[in-house]
Amino acid sequence: MKIHLVTGGARGGKSRYAVELAGRIGGKDVTFVATANASDEEMARRITRHREERRASGWATIEAPVAAYRAVRSAETAVVLLDCLTLLSANTMASAYAEGEEAAICAMRDEAEQLVAAAGDRPGTLIVVTNEVGFGIHPETTAGRWFRDGLGIANQVVAAEADEVTLMVSGIPVTVKPS
């Protein structure tokens, strides 16, 4: 399976670009792997809005806030869009947080490695959306630093295996790793 990683800052146009790319490649034959958890009312509203948008597209949706590699492996379409590795990593970190920094970071890295392995087990295209958190400020909290470090490692794992990497800068796609 071809992997296309779409990264960039918050509100940089990553999801919009990835959705357009998936539509161009797969048309209505796309599986959307959603990784968000409804942790509060605002997030629940976002999830509901996104579900409605996907329903209108005719795409299949698999909700996988953890172990998203299973959803990638089981998808019945050639094109799979995972949105996003950032939330998947946060959910994974939360499940390992009590075990300490090394366990939390390893859990995020392992999730990314399993995602890449799942993509290698099937034909088609996997589009992965993630945030580039290395450009931001130094997190003040321990959890923030663990998350930044773990997501940075997870992003590196996926980018190393990706056939193509696109960095979104203010809504403009910049090719980092051409196919």
Protein backbone atom coordinates (compact mmCIF):
# COMPACT_ATOMS: atom_id res chain seq x y z
CA MET A 1 0.00 0.00 0.00
CA LYS A 2 1.23 3.46 -0.86
CA ILE A 3 1.42 5.81 2.17
CA HIS A 4 0.93 9.57 1.83
CA LEU A 5 1.57 11.54 5.04
CA VAL A 6 -0.03 14.97 5.28
CA THR A 7 1.40 17.09 8.10
CA GLY A 8 1.46 20.69 9.26
CA GLY A 9 0.26 23.00 11.99
CA ALA A 10 -3.19 23.34 13.51
CA ARG A 11 -5.77 24.75 11.10
CA GLY A 12 -3.23 24.56 8.26
CA GLY A 13 -5.57 22.77 5.84
CA LYS A 14 -4.34 19.21 6.40
CA SER A 15 -7.72 17.52 6.63
CA ARG A 16 -9.21 19.48 3.74
CA TYR A 17 -6.25 18.58 1.55
CA ALA A 18 -6.35 14.91 2.60
CA VAL A 19 -10.09 14.66 1.93
CA GLU A 20 -9.67 16.21 -1.52
CA LEU A 21 -6.75 13.86 -2.25
CA ALA A 22 -8.73 10.79 -1.13
CA GLY A 23 -11.67 11.88 -3.29
CA ARG A 24 -9.44 12.33 -6.34
CA ILE A 25 -7.86 8.91 -5.89
CA GLY A 26 -10.82 6.87 -4.66
CA GLY A 27 -13.97 8.81 -5.54
CA LYS A 28 -16.73 7.37 -3.35
CA ASP A 29 -14.68 4.22 -2.73
CA VAL A 30 -12.85 5.51 0.40
CA THR A 31 -12.75 4.36 4.01
CA PHE A 32 -12.37 7.15 6.55
CA VAL A 33 -10.71 6.04 9.81
CA ALA A 34 -11.71 8.53 12.50
CA THR A 35 -9.60 8.62 15.67
CA ALA A 36 -11.35 11.28 17.76
CA ASN A 37 -12.92 10.67 21.18
CA ALA A 38 -15.84 12.79 22.37
CA SER A 39 -14.06 13.93 25.53
CA ASP A 40 -16.26 17.02 26.03
CA GLU A 41 -19.29 18.77 24.48
CA GLU A 42 -17.28 20.82 22.00
CA MET A 43 -15.48 17.71 20.71
CA ALA A 44 -18.77 15.82 20.51
CA ARG A 45 -20.18 18.62 18.30
CA ARG A 46 -17.11 18.46 16.04
CA ILE A 47 -17.42 14.69 15.71
CA THR A 48 -21.12 14.98 14.85
CA ARG A 49 -20.39 17.64 12.21
CA HIS A 50 -17.63 15.53 10.66
CA ARG A 51 -19.85 12.40 10.65
CA GLU A 52 -22.48 14.33 8.70
CA GLU A 53 -19.88 15.59 6.20
CA ARG A 54 -18.59 12.05 5.64
CA ARG A 55 -22.11 10.62 5.34
CA ALA A 56 -22.74 13.09 2.51
CA SER A 57 -19.61 11.87 0.73
CA GLY A 58 -20.81 8.27 0.70
CA TRP A 59 -17.56 7.06 2.25
CA ALA A 60 -17.39 4.20 4.72
CA THR A 61 -16.32 5.26 8.22
CA ILE A 62 -14.58 3.24 10.90
CA GLU A 63 -14.18 4.90 14.29
CA ALA A 64 -10.92 3.76 15.85
CA PRO A 65 -9.63 6.00 18.67
CA VAL A 66 -7.01 3.30 19.46
CA ALA A 67 -5.56 0.37 17.50
CA ALA A 68 -6.38 2.09 14.21
CA TYR A 69 -4.13 -0.35 12.40
CA ARG A 70 -6.96 -2.90 12.75
CA ALA A 71 -9.29 -0.53 10.90
CA VAL A 72 -6.71 -0.01 8.14
CA ARG A 73 -6.24 -3.75 7.80
CA SER A 74 -9.99 -4.44 7.66
CA ALA A 75 -10.98 -1.59 5.31
CA GLU A 76 -12.74 -2.85 2.19
CA THR A 77 -11.72 0.04 -0.05
CA ALA A 78 -8.45 0.66 -1.88
CA VAL A 79 -8.17 4.18 -0.42
CA VAL A 80 -8.05 4.67 3.35
CA LEU A 81 -7.85 8.09 5.01
CA LEU A 82 -6.80 8.14 8.66
CA ASP A 83 -7.57 11.44 10.38
CA CYS A 84 -5.58 11.77 12.49
CA LEU A 85 -2.37 10.31 13.90
CA THR A 86 -2.25 13.18 16.40
CA LEU A 87 -5.47 12.16 18.18
CA LEU A 88 -4.62 8.46 17.81
CA SER A 89 -1.30 9.13 19.55
CA ALA A 90 -2.99 11.16 22.30
CA ASN A 91 -5.46 8.35 22.95
CA THR A 92 -2.64 5.80 22.93
CA MET A 93 -0.55 7.90 25.31
CA ALA A 94 -3.50 8.25 27.68
CA SER A 95 -3.84 4.48 27.91
CA ALA A 96 -0.16 4.09 28.86
CA TYR A 97 0.35 7.32 30.84
CA ALA A 98 0.20 5.72 34.29
CA GLU A 99 3.15 3.48 33.36
CA GLY A 100 5.46 6.47 32.88
CA GLU A 101 7.24 8.40 30.18
CA GLU A 102 9.02 5.54 28.43
CA ALA A 103 5.87 3.41 28.26
CA ALA A 104 3.77 6.31 26.96
CA ILE A 105 6.26 7.23 24.23
CA CYS A 106 6.81 3.58 23.29
CA ALA A 107 3.06 3.05 23.01
CA MET A 108 2.80 5.93 20.53
CA ARG A 109 5.74 4.65 18.50
CA ASP A 110 4.34 1.10 18.53
CA GLU A 111 0.94 2.33 17.31
CA ALA A 112 2.65 4.09 14.38
CA GLU A 113 4.72 0.99 13.57
CA GLN A 114 1.61 -1.20 13.58
CA LEU A 115 -0.16 1.30 11.33
CA VAL A 116 2.71 1.17 8.81
CA ALA A 117 2.77 -2.64 8.99
CA ALA A 118 -1.00 -2.80 8.38
CA ALA A 119 -0.57 -0.60 5.31
CA GLY A 120 2.12 -2.94 4.02
CA ASP A 121 -0.30 -5.87 4.27
CA ARG A 122 -2.73 -4.51 1.67
CA PRO A 123 -2.89 -2.82 -1.74
CA GLY A 124 -4.07 0.73 -2.35
CA THR A 125 -3.32 4.06 -0.70
CA LEU A 126 -3.27 5.08 2.96
CA ILE A 127 -3.44 8.82 3.58
CA VAL A 128 -2.42 9.76 7.13
CA VAL A 129 -3.08 13.22 8.59
CA THR A 130 -0.93 14.39 11.51
CA ASN A 131 0.17 17.56 13.24
CA GLU A 132 3.75 18.80 13.15
CA VAL A 133 4.24 19.70 16.80
CA GLY A 134 7.98 20.34 16.64
CA PHE A 135 7.50 23.90 15.36
CA GLY A 136 5.59 25.00 18.46
CA ILE A 137 6.53 26.25 21.88
CA HIS A 138 8.13 24.03 24.50
CA PRO A 139 5.25 22.44 26.46
CA GLU A 140 5.01 23.53 30.10
CA THR A 141 3.64 20.24 31.42
CA THR A 142 5.14 16.79 31.70
CA ALA A 143 2.24 15.31 29.71
CA GLY A 144 2.70 17.95 27.03
CA ARG A 145 6.40 17.16 26.67
CA TRP A 146 5.75 13.40 26.55
CA PHE A 147 3.09 13.94 23.91
CA ARG A 148 5.25 16.23 21.77
CA ASP A 149 8.13 13.77 21.91
CA GLY A 150 5.97 10.70 21.28
CA LEU A 151 4.07 12.26 18.39
CA GLY A 152 7.34 13.46 16.88
CA ILE A 153 8.63 9.88 16.97
CA ALA A 154 5.35 8.48 15.58
CA ASN A 155 5.47 11.03 12.75
CA GLN A 156 9.05 9.99 11.95
CA VAL A 157 8.03 6.32 11.83
CA VAL A 158 5.26 7.01 9.32
CA ALA A 159 7.27 9.53 7.29
CA ALA A 160 10.18 7.11 6.94
CA GLU A 161 7.89 4.54 5.30
CA ALA A 162 5.74 7.04 3.41
CA ASP A 163 5.99 7.19 -0.35
CA GLU A 164 5.02 10.83 -0.22
CA VAL A 165 4.96 13.54 2.47
CA THR A 166 3.13 16.85 2.12
CA LEU A 167 3.56 19.74 4.56
CA MET A 168 0.60 22.11 4.69
CA VAL A 169 1.63 25.72 5.27
CA SER A 170 -1.26 28.19 5.60
CA GLY A 171 -3.41 26.02 3.35
CA ILE A 172 -0.70 25.54 0.72
CA PRO A 173 0.69 22.04 0.12
CA VAL A 174 4.48 21.84 0.04
CA THR A 175 6.00 18.57 -1.14
CA VAL A 176 8.56 17.37 1.37
CA LYS A 177 9.01 13.83 0.03
CA PRO A 178 7.92 13.40 -3.58
CA SER A 179 6.64 10.06 -4.85
